[in-house]
PDB file of N, CA and C in Angstrom:
ATOM      1  N   UNK A   1      20.557 -15.175  13.578  1.00  0.00           N
ATOM      2  CA  UNK A   1      20.949 -13.873  13.494  1.00  0.00           C
ATOM      3  C   UNK A   1      21.231 -13.568  11.965  1.00  0.00           C
ATOM      4  N   UNK A   2      20.895 -12.208  11.694  1.00  0.00           N
ATOM      5  CA  UNK A   2      21.138 -11.789  10.270  1.00  0.00           C
ATOM      6  C   UNK A   2      21.220 -10.367  10.112  1.00  0.00           C
ATOM      7  N   UNK A   3      21.682  -9.801   8.964  1.00  0.00           N
ATOM      8  CA  UNK A   3      21.695  -8.471   8.689  1.00  0.00           C
ATOM      9  C   UNK A   3      20.348  -7.923   8.201  1.00  0.00           C
ATOM     10  N   UNK A   4      20.020  -6.988   8.838  1.00  0.00           N
ATOM     11  CA  UNK A   4      18.720  -6.407   8.389  1.00  0.00           C
ATOM     12  C   UNK A   4      19.287  -5.007   7.786  1.00  0.00           C
ATOM     13  N   UNK A   5      18.939  -4.757   6.446  1.00  0.00           N
ATOM     14  CA  UNK A   5      19.243  -3.485   5.888  1.00  0.00           C
ATOM     15  C   UNK A   5      18.224  -2.334   6.214  1.00  0.00           C
ATOM     16  N   UNK A   6      18.559  -1.259   6.641  1.00  0.00           N
ATOM     17  CA  UNK A   6      17.536  -0.177   7.083  1.00  0.00           C
ATOM     18  C   UNK A   6      17.628   0.928   5.971  1.00  0.00           C
ATOM     19  N   UNK A   7      16.547   0.925   5.337  1.00  0.00           N
ATOM     20  CA  UNK A   7      16.433   1.899   4.083  1.00  0.00           C
ATOM     21  C   UNK A   7      15.869   3.434   4.545  1.00  0.00           C
ATOM     22  N   UNK A   8      15.106   3.284   5.409  1.00  0.00           N
ATOM     23  CA  UNK A   8      14.493   4.726   5.726  1.00  0.00           C
ATOM     24  C   UNK A   8      13.948   4.747   7.149  1.00  0.00           C
ATOM     25  N   UNK A   9      13.707   5.683   7.799  1.00  0.00           N
ATOM     26  CA  UNK A   9      13.215   5.666   9.232  1.00  0.00           C
ATOM     27  C   UNK A   9      12.398   6.962   9.417  1.00  0.00           C
ATOM     28  N   UNK A  10      11.377   6.943  10.312  1.00  0.00           N
ATOM     29  CA  UNK A  10      10.708   7.959  10.845  1.00  0.00           C
ATOM     30  C   UNK A  10      10.809   8.136  12.369  1.00  0.00           C
ATOM     31  N   UNK A  11      10.871   9.273  12.870  1.00  0.00           N
ATOM     32  CA  UNK A  11      11.091   9.621  14.351  1.00  0.00           C
ATOM     33  C   UNK A  11       9.768  10.193  14.997  1.00  0.00           C
ATOM     34  N   UNK A  12       9.621   9.833  16.158  1.00  0.00           N
ATOM     35  CA  UNK A  12       8.435  10.487  16.878  1.00  0.00           C
ATOM     36  C   UNK A  12       9.224  11.135  18.339  1.00  0.00           C
ATOM     37  N   UNK A  13       9.507  12.346  18.099  1.00  0.00           N
ATOM     38  CA  UNK A  13      10.216  13.060  19.109  1.00  0.00           C
ATOM     39  C   UNK A  13      11.632  12.698  19.100  1.00  0.00           C
ATOM     40  N   UNK A  14      12.282  12.076  20.203  1.00  0.00           N
ATOM     41  CA  UNK A  14      13.484  11.791  20.330  1.00  0.00           C
ATOM     42  C   UNK A  14      13.645  10.008  20.265  1.00  0.00           C
ATOM     43  N   UNK A  15      12.566   9.525  19.834  1.00  0.00           N
ATOM     44  CA  UNK A  15      12.565   7.966  19.563  1.00  0.00           C
ATOM     45  C   UNK A  15      12.096   7.454  18.181  1.00  0.00           C
ATOM     46  N   UNK A  16      12.723   6.400  17.567  1.00  0.00           N
ATOM     47  CA  UNK A  16      12.488   5.816  16.333  1.00  0.00           C
ATOM     48  C   UNK A  16      10.915   5.498  16.490  1.00  0.00           C
ATOM     49  N   UNK A  17      10.260   5.940  15.598  1.00  0.00           N
ATOM     50  CA  UNK A  17       9.005   5.267  15.291  1.00  0.00           C
ATOM     51  C   UNK A  17       8.729   4.072  14.393  1.00  0.00           C
ATOM     52  N   UNK A  18       9.254   4.193  13.373  1.00  0.00           N
ATOM     53  CA  UNK A  18       9.336   3.029  12.381  1.00  0.00           C
ATOM     54  C   UNK A  18      10.730   2.934  11.602  1.00  0.00           C
ATOM     55  N   UNK A  19      11.120   1.977  11.124  1.00  0.00           N
ATOM     56  CA  UNK A  19      12.204   1.733  10.129  1.00  0.00           C
ATOM     57  C   UNK A  19      11.691   0.924   8.856  1.00  0.00           C
ATOM     58  N   UNK A  20      11.997   1.247   7.798  1.00  0.00           N
ATOM     59  CA  UNK A  20      11.629   0.404   6.569  1.00  0.00           C
ATOM     60  C   UNK A  20      12.903  -0.342   6.555  1.00  0.00           C
ATOM     61  N   UNK A  21      12.862  -1.564   6.470  1.00  0.00           N
ATOM     62  CA  UNK A  21      13.824  -2.598   6.513  1.00  0.00           C
ATOM     63  C   UNK A  21      13.749  -3.633   5.160  1.00  0.00           C
ATOM     64  N   UNK A  22      15.013  -4.267   5.031  1.00  0.00           N
ATOM     65  CA  UNK A  22      14.818  -5.234   3.947  1.00  0.00           C
ATOM     66  C   UNK A  22      15.776  -6.268   4.313  1.00  0.00           C
ATOM     67  N   UNK A  23      15.110  -7.565   4.208  1.00  0.00           N
ATOM     68  CA  UNK A  23      15.858  -8.781   4.573  1.00  0.00           C
ATOM     69  C   UNK A  23      16.337  -9.546   3.212  1.00  0.00           C
ATOM     70  N   UNK A  24      17.261 -10.189   3.156  1.00  0.00           N
ATOM     71  CA  UNK A  24      17.804 -10.803   1.925  1.00  0.00           C
ATOM     72  C   UNK A  24      16.644 -11.673   1.186  1.00  0.00           C
ATOM     73  N   UNK A  25      16.237 -11.307  -0.040  1.00  0.00           N
ATOM     74  CA  UNK A  25      15.242 -12.136  -0.784  1.00  0.00           C
ATOM     75  C   UNK A  25      13.986 -11.950  -0.385  1.00  0.00           C
ATOM     76  N   UNK A  26      13.603 -10.717   0.431  1.00  0.00           N
ATOM     77  CA  UNK A  26      12.139 -10.394   0.780  1.00  0.00           C
ATOM     78  C   UNK A  26      11.924  -9.056   0.562  1.00  0.00           C
ATOM     79  N   UNK A  27      10.787  -8.620   0.311  1.00  0.00           N
ATOM     80  CA  UNK A  27      10.315  -7.257  -0.064  1.00  0.00           C
ATOM     81  C   UNK A  27      10.769  -6.272   1.268  1.00  0.00           C
ATOM     82  N   UNK A  28      10.726  -5.094   1.069  1.00  0.00           N
ATOM     83  CA  UNK A  28      10.914  -4.196   1.988  1.00  0.00           C
ATOM     84  C   UNK A  28       9.538  -4.276   3.079  1.00  0.00           C
ATOM     85  N   UNK A  29       9.828  -3.835   4.283  1.00  0.00           N
ATOM     86  CA  UNK A  29       8.491  -3.861   5.180  1.00  0.00           C
ATOM     87  C   UNK A  29       8.939  -2.862   6.042  1.00  0.00           C
ATOM     88  N   UNK A  30       7.920  -2.403   6.991  1.00  0.00           N
ATOM     89  CA  UNK A  30       7.865  -1.277   7.949  1.00  0.00           C
ATOM     90  C   UNK A  30       7.778  -2.025   9.415  1.00  0.00           C
ATOM     91  N   UNK A  31       8.776  -1.778  10.198  1.00  0.00           N
ATOM     92  CA  UNK A  31       8.570  -2.339  11.639  1.00  0.00           C
ATOM     93  C   UNK A  31       8.596  -1.136  12.452  1.00  0.00           C
ATOM     94  N   UNK A  32       7.961  -1.360  13.777  1.00  0.00           N
ATOM     95  CA  UNK A  32       7.927  -0.440  14.757  1.00  0.00           C
ATOM     96  C   UNK A  32       9.021  -0.404  15.771  1.00  0.00           C
ATOM     97  N   UNK A  33       9.267   0.519  16.469  1.00  0.00           N
ATOM     98  CA  UNK A  33      10.397   0.590  17.502  1.00  0.00           C
ATOM     99  C   UNK A  33      10.588  -0.753  18.452  1.00  0.00           C
ATOM    100  N   UNK A  34       9.461  -1.195  18.803  1.00  0.00           N
ATOM    101  CA  UNK A  34       9.456  -2.387  19.856  1.00  0.00           C
ATOM    102  C   UNK A  34       9.939  -3.771  19.023  1.00  0.00           C
ATOM    103  N   UNK A  35       9.660  -3.735  17.631  1.00  0.00           N
ATOM    104  CA  UNK A  35      10.318  -4.640  16.906  1.00  0.00           C
ATOM    105  C   UNK A  35      11.813  -4.626  16.856  1.00  0.00           C
ATOM    106  N   UNK A  36      12.022  -3.319  16.424  1.00  0.00           N
ATOM    107  CA  UNK A  36      13.520  -2.955  16.324  1.00  0.00           C
ATOM    108  C   UNK A  36      14.298  -3.641  17.457  1.00  0.00           C
ATOM    109  N   UNK A  37      13.892  -3.058  18.674  1.00  0.00           N
ATOM    110  CA  UNK A  37      14.484  -3.509  19.847  1.00  0.00           C
ATOM    111  C   UNK A  37      14.591  -4.980  20.076  1.00  0.00           C
ATOM    112  N   UNK A  38      13.552  -5.678  19.866  1.00  0.00           N
ATOM    113  CA  UNK A  38      13.388  -7.043  19.982  1.00  0.00           C
ATOM    114  C   UNK A  38      14.576  -7.706  18.943  1.00  0.00           C
ATOM    115  N   UNK A  39      14.481  -7.338  17.684  1.00  0.00           N
ATOM    116  CA  UNK A  39      15.436  -7.876  16.839  1.00  0.00           C
ATOM    117  C   UNK A  39      16.756  -7.677  17.210  1.00  0.00           C
ATOM    118  N   UNK A  40      16.971  -6.425  17.717  1.00  0.00           N
ATOM    119  CA  UNK A  40      18.477  -6.356  18.125  1.00  0.00           C
ATOM    120  C   UNK A  40      18.928  -7.273  19.329  1.00  0.00           C
ATOM    121  N   UNK A  41      17.878  -7.255  20.297  1.00  0.00           N
ATOM    122  CA  UNK A  41      18.232  -8.223  21.398  1.00  0.00           C
ATOM    123  C   UNK A  41      18.244  -9.681  20.970  1.00  0.00           C
ATOM    124  N   UNK A  42      17.829  -9.882  19.915  1.00  0.00           N
ATOM    125  CA  UNK A  42      18.019 -11.413  19.407  1.00  0.00           C
ATOM    126  C   UNK A  42      19.330 -11.554  18.515  1.00  0.00           C
ATOM    127  N   UNK A  43      19.916 -10.330  18.459  1.00  0.00           N
ATOM    128  CA  UNK A  43      21.238 -10.496  17.865  1.00  0.00           C
ATOM    129  C   UNK A  43      21.402 -10.105  16.449  1.00  0.00           C
ATOM    130  N   UNK A  44      20.256  -9.566  15.821  1.00  0.00           N
ATOM    131  CA  UNK A  44      20.177  -9.130  14.386  1.00  0.00           C
ATOM    132  C   UNK A  44      21.014  -7.712  14.221  1.00  0.00           C
ATOM    133  N   UNK A  45      21.866  -7.560  13.214  1.00  0.00           N
ATOM    134  CA  UNK A  45      22.461  -6.463  12.962  1.00  0.00           C
ATOM    135  C   UNK A  45      21.492  -5.359  11.974  1.00  0.00           C
ATOM    136  N   UNK A  46      21.253  -4.328  12.641  1.00  0.00           N
ATOM    137  CA  UNK A  46      20.334  -3.435  11.643  1.00  0.00           C
ATOM    138  C   UNK A  46      21.427  -2.290  11.025  1.00  0.00           C
ATOM    139  N   UNK A  47      21.472  -2.513   9.720  1.00  0.00           N
ATOM    140  CA  UNK A  47      22.514  -1.704   8.995  1.00  0.00           C
ATOM    141  C   UNK A  47      21.891  -0.567   8.021  1.00  0.00           C
ATOM    142  N   UNK A  48      22.129   0.585   8.296  1.00  0.00           N
ATOM    143  CA  UNK A  48      21.723   1.586   7.525  1.00  0.00           C
ATOM    144  C   UNK A  48      22.194   1.279   6.074  1.00  0.00           C
ATOM    145  N   UNK A  49      21.480   1.541   5.131  1.00  0.00           N
ATOM    146  CA  UNK A  49      21.730   1.243   3.774  1.00  0.00           C
ATOM    147  C   UNK A  49      21.248   2.289   2.770  1.00  0.00           C
ATOM    148  N   UNK A  50      22.109   3.104   1.885  1.00  0.00           N
ATOM    149  CA  UNK A  50      21.776   3.876   0.990  1.00  0.00           C
ATOM    150  C   UNK A  50      22.215   3.376  -0.441  1.00  0.00           C
ATOM    151  N   UNK A  51      22.596   2.269  -0.410  1.00  0.00           N
ATOM    152  CA  UNK A  51      23.297   1.728  -1.782  1.00  0.00           C
ATOM    153  C   UNK A  51      24.606   1.299  -1.426  1.00  0.00           C
ATOM    154  N   UNK A  52      25.020   1.697  -0.186  1.00  0.00           N
ATOM    155  CA  UNK A  52      26.201   1.001   0.471  1.00  0.00           C
ATOM    156  C   UNK A  52      25.806   0.870   1.915  1.00  0.00           C
ATOM    157  N   UNK A  53      26.432  -0.061   2.508  1.00  0.00           N
ATOM    158  CA  UNK A  53      26.288  -0.384   3.901  1.00  0.00           C
ATOM    159  C   UNK A  53      27.193   0.512   4.862  1.00  0.00           C
ATOM    160  N   UNK A  54      26.412   0.951   5.800  1.00  0.00           N
ATOM    161  CA  UNK A  54      27.052   1.796   7.057  1.00  0.00           C
ATOM    162  C   UNK A  54      27.211   1.195   8.209  1.00  0.00           C
ATOM    163  N   UNK A  55      27.912   1.789   9.142  1.00  0.00           N
ATOM    164  CA  UNK A  55      27.958   1.019  10.484  1.00  0.00           C
ATOM    165  C   UNK A  55      26.715   0.560  11.165  1.00  0.00           C
ATOM    166  N   UNK A  56      26.685  -0.505  11.674  1.00  0.00           N
ATOM    167  CA  UNK A  56      25.257  -1.010  12.255  1.00  0.00           C
ATOM    168  C   UNK A  56      24.955  -0.053  13.370  1.00  0.00           C
ATOM    169  N   UNK A  57      23.528  -0.036  13.636  1.00  0.00           N
ATOM    170  CA  UNK A  57      22.952   0.582  14.860  1.00  0.00           C
ATOM    171  C   UNK A  57      23.246  -0.058  16.124  1.00  0.00           C
ATOM    172  N   UNK A  58      23.391   0.581  17.197  1.00  0.00           N
ATOM    173  CA  UNK A  58      23.735   0.033  18.554  1.00  0.00           C
ATOM    174  C   UNK A  58      22.472   0.075  19.485  1.00  0.00           C
ATOM    175  N   UNK A  59      22.491  -0.874  20.255  1.00  0.00           N
ATOM    176  CA  UNK A  59      21.324  -0.874  21.195  1.00  0.00           C
ATOM    177  C   UNK A  59      22.145  -0.376  22.753  1.00  0.00           C
ATOM    178  N   UNK A  60      21.841   0.552  23.324  1.00  0.00           N
ATOM    179  CA  UNK A  60      22.331   1.103  24.440  1.00  0.00           C
ATOM    180  C   UNK A  60      21.442   1.153  25.516  1.00  0.00           C
ATOM    181  N   UNK A  61      21.648   0.574  26.678  1.00  0.00           N
ATOM    182  CA  UNK A  61      20.795   0.773  27.979  1.00  0.00           C
ATOM    183  C   UNK A  61      21.308   2.004  28.881  1.00  0.00           C
ATOM    184  N   UNK A  62      20.142   2.672  29.071  1.00  0.00           N
ATOM    185  CA  UNK A  62      20.356   3.876  30.082  1.00  0.00           C
ATOM    186  C   UNK A  62      19.288   3.657  31.028  1.00  0.00           C
ATOM    187  N   UNK A  63      19.697   3.381  32.398  1.00  0.00           N
ATOM    188  CA  UNK A  63      18.644   3.132  33.519  1.00  0.00           C
ATOM    189  C   UNK A  63      17.841   2.013  32.997  1.00  0.00           C
ATOM    190  N   UNK A  64      18.300   0.921  32.519  1.00  0.00           N
ATOM    191  CA  UNK A  64      17.622  -0.224  32.039  1.00  0.00           C
ATOM    192  C   UNK A  64      16.502  -0.115  31.050  1.00  0.00           C
ATOM    193  N   UNK A  65      16.611   1.188  30.046  1.00  0.00           N
ATOM    194  CA  UNK A  65      15.719   1.279  29.072  1.00  0.00           C
ATOM    195  C   UNK A  65      16.473   1.472  27.871  1.00  0.00           C
ATOM    196  N   UNK A  66      16.138   0.537  26.820  1.00  0.00           N
ATOM    197  CA  UNK A  66      16.906   0.369  25.469  1.00  0.00           C
ATOM    198  C   UNK A  66      16.694   1.738  24.621  1.00  0.00           C
ATOM    199  N   UNK A  67      17.783   1.946  23.964  1.00  0.00           N
ATOM    200  CA  UNK A  67      17.756   3.109  22.986  1.00  0.00           C
ATOM    201  C   UNK A  67      18.592   2.680  21.885  1.00  0.00           C
ATOM    202  N   UNK A  68      18.124   2.921  20.737  1.00  0.00           N
ATOM    203  CA  UNK A  68      18.846   2.689  19.444  1.00  0.00           C
ATOM    204  C   UNK A  68      19.520   3.897  18.998  1.00  0.00           C
ATOM    205  N   UNK A  69      20.713   3.701  18.925  1.00  0.00           N
ATOM    206  CA  UNK A  69      21.819   4.844  18.682  1.00  0.00           C
ATOM    207  C   UNK A  69      22.763   4.511  17.419  1.00  0.00           C
ATOM    208  N   UNK A  70      23.269   5.611  16.968  1.00  0.00           N
ATOM    209  CA  UNK A  70      24.335   5.388  15.967  1.00  0.00           C
ATOM    210  C   UNK A  70      25.586   5.486  16.548  1.00  0.00           C
ATOM    211  N   UNK A  71      25.786   5.663  17.657  1.00  0.00           N
ATOM    212  CA  UNK A  71      26.880   5.708  18.623  1.00  0.00           C
ATOM    213  C   UNK A  71      26.628   5.183  19.913  1.00  0.00           C
ATOM    214  N   UNK A  72      27.779   4.913  20.623  1.00  0.00           N
ATOM    215  CA  UNK A  72      27.707   4.141  21.792  1.00  0.00           C
ATOM    216  C   UNK A  72      27.407   5.273  23.109  1.00  0.00           C
ATOM    217  N   UNK A  73      27.016   6.421  22.932  1.00  0.00           N
ATOM    218  CA  UNK A  73      26.976   7.413  23.991  1.00  0.00           C
ATOM    219  C   UNK A  73      25.769   7.134  24.819  1.00  0.00           C
ATOM    220  N   UNK A  74      25.908   6.863  26.006  1.00  0.00           N
ATOM    221  CA  UNK A  74      24.852   6.500  26.948  1.00  0.00           C
ATOM    222  C   UNK A  74      23.719   7.617  27.287  1.00  0.00           C
ATOM    223  N   UNK A  75      23.031   8.045  26.214  1.00  0.00           N
ATOM    224  CA  UNK A  75      22.062   9.262  26.157  1.00  0.00           C
ATOM    225  C   UNK A  75      20.814   8.616  26.194  1.00  0.00           C
ATOM    226  N   UNK A  76      19.736   9.003  26.867  1.00  0.00           N
ATOM    227  CA  UNK A  76      18.491   8.464  26.795  1.00  0.00           C
ATOM    228  C   UNK A  76      17.443   9.160  25.549  1.00  0.00           C
ATOM    229  N   UNK A  77      18.100   8.565  24.471  1.00  0.00           N
ATOM    230  CA  UNK A  77      17.289   9.142  23.007  1.00  0.00           C
ATOM    231  C   UNK A  77      17.804   8.196  22.026  1.00  0.00           C
ATOM    232  N   UNK A  78      16.970   7.978  21.267  1.00  0.00           N
ATOM    233  CA  UNK A  78      17.391   7.200  19.946  1.00  0.00           C
ATOM    234  C   UNK A  78      17.999   8.244  18.934  1.00  0.00           C
ATOM    235  N   UNK A  79      19.102   7.763  18.185  1.00  0.00           N
ATOM    236  CA  UNK A  79      19.702   8.617  17.198  1.00  0.00           C
ATOM    237  C   UNK A  79      19.985   7.795  16.003  1.00  0.00           C
ATOM    238  N   UNK A  80      20.015   8.458  14.745  1.00  0.00           N
ATOM    239  CA  UNK A  80      20.130   7.657  13.554  1.00  0.00           C
ATOM    240  C   UNK A  80      21.334   8.438  12.694  1.00  0.00           C
ATOM    241  N   UNK A  81      22.117   7.791  11.997  1.00  0.00           N
ATOM    242  CA  UNK A  81      23.062   8.440  11.242  1.00  0.00           C
ATOM    243  C   UNK A  81      22.607   9.283  10.246  1.00  0.00           C
ATOM    244  N   UNK A  82      23.342  10.117   9.680  1.00  0.00           N
ATOM    245  CA  UNK A  82      22.869  11.372   8.765  1.00  0.00           C
ATOM    246  C   UNK A  82      22.315  10.517   7.583  1.00  0.00           C
ATOM    247  N   UNK A  83      22.802   9.384   7.302  1.00  0.00           N
ATOM    248  CA  UNK A  83      22.132   8.753   5.912  1.00  0.00           C
ATOM    249  C   UNK A  83      20.707   8.533   6.023  1.00  0.00           C
ATOM    250  N   UNK A  84      20.192   8.238   7.368  1.00  0.00           N
ATOM    251  CA  UNK A  84      18.760   8.190   7.479  1.00  0.00           C
ATOM    252  C   UNK A  84      18.150   9.310   8.079  1.00  0.00           C
ATOM    253  N   UNK A  85      18.651  10.252   8.509  1.00  0.00           N
ATOM    254  CA  UNK A  85      17.864  11.370   9.110  1.00  0.00           C
ATOM    255  C   UNK A  85      16.980  12.043   8.237  1.00  0.00           C
ATOM    256  N   UNK A  86      17.273  12.287   6.885  1.00  0.00           N
ATOM    257  CA  UNK A  86      16.515  12.877   5.971  1.00  0.00           C
ATOM    258  C   UNK A  86      15.270  12.018   5.523  1.00  0.00           C
ATOM    259  N   UNK A  87      15.217  10.737   5.844  1.00  0.00           N
ATOM    260  CA  UNK A  87      14.286   9.743   5.486  1.00  0.00           C
ATOM    261  C   UNK A  87      12.927  10.148   6.181  1.00  0.00           C
TER     262      UNK A  87
END
């Protein structure tokens, strides 16, 4: 398990399309939503980062479907914190 710093994001409708992430000691890379969910299920913390660390994103299940959220509200959509929304 490790901390994954999230530098930017793109949305497709109400779901995350991609996240630009950085792992310690490695260059930034872009991952798709399926990879995001898989990493979170594996126990990695995805932490929005704009020069400082923000609260980690959460994986919330609604009707057995995973959603990536910046809060724990059981709503069937992905959400991002304000620090990533403009990205």
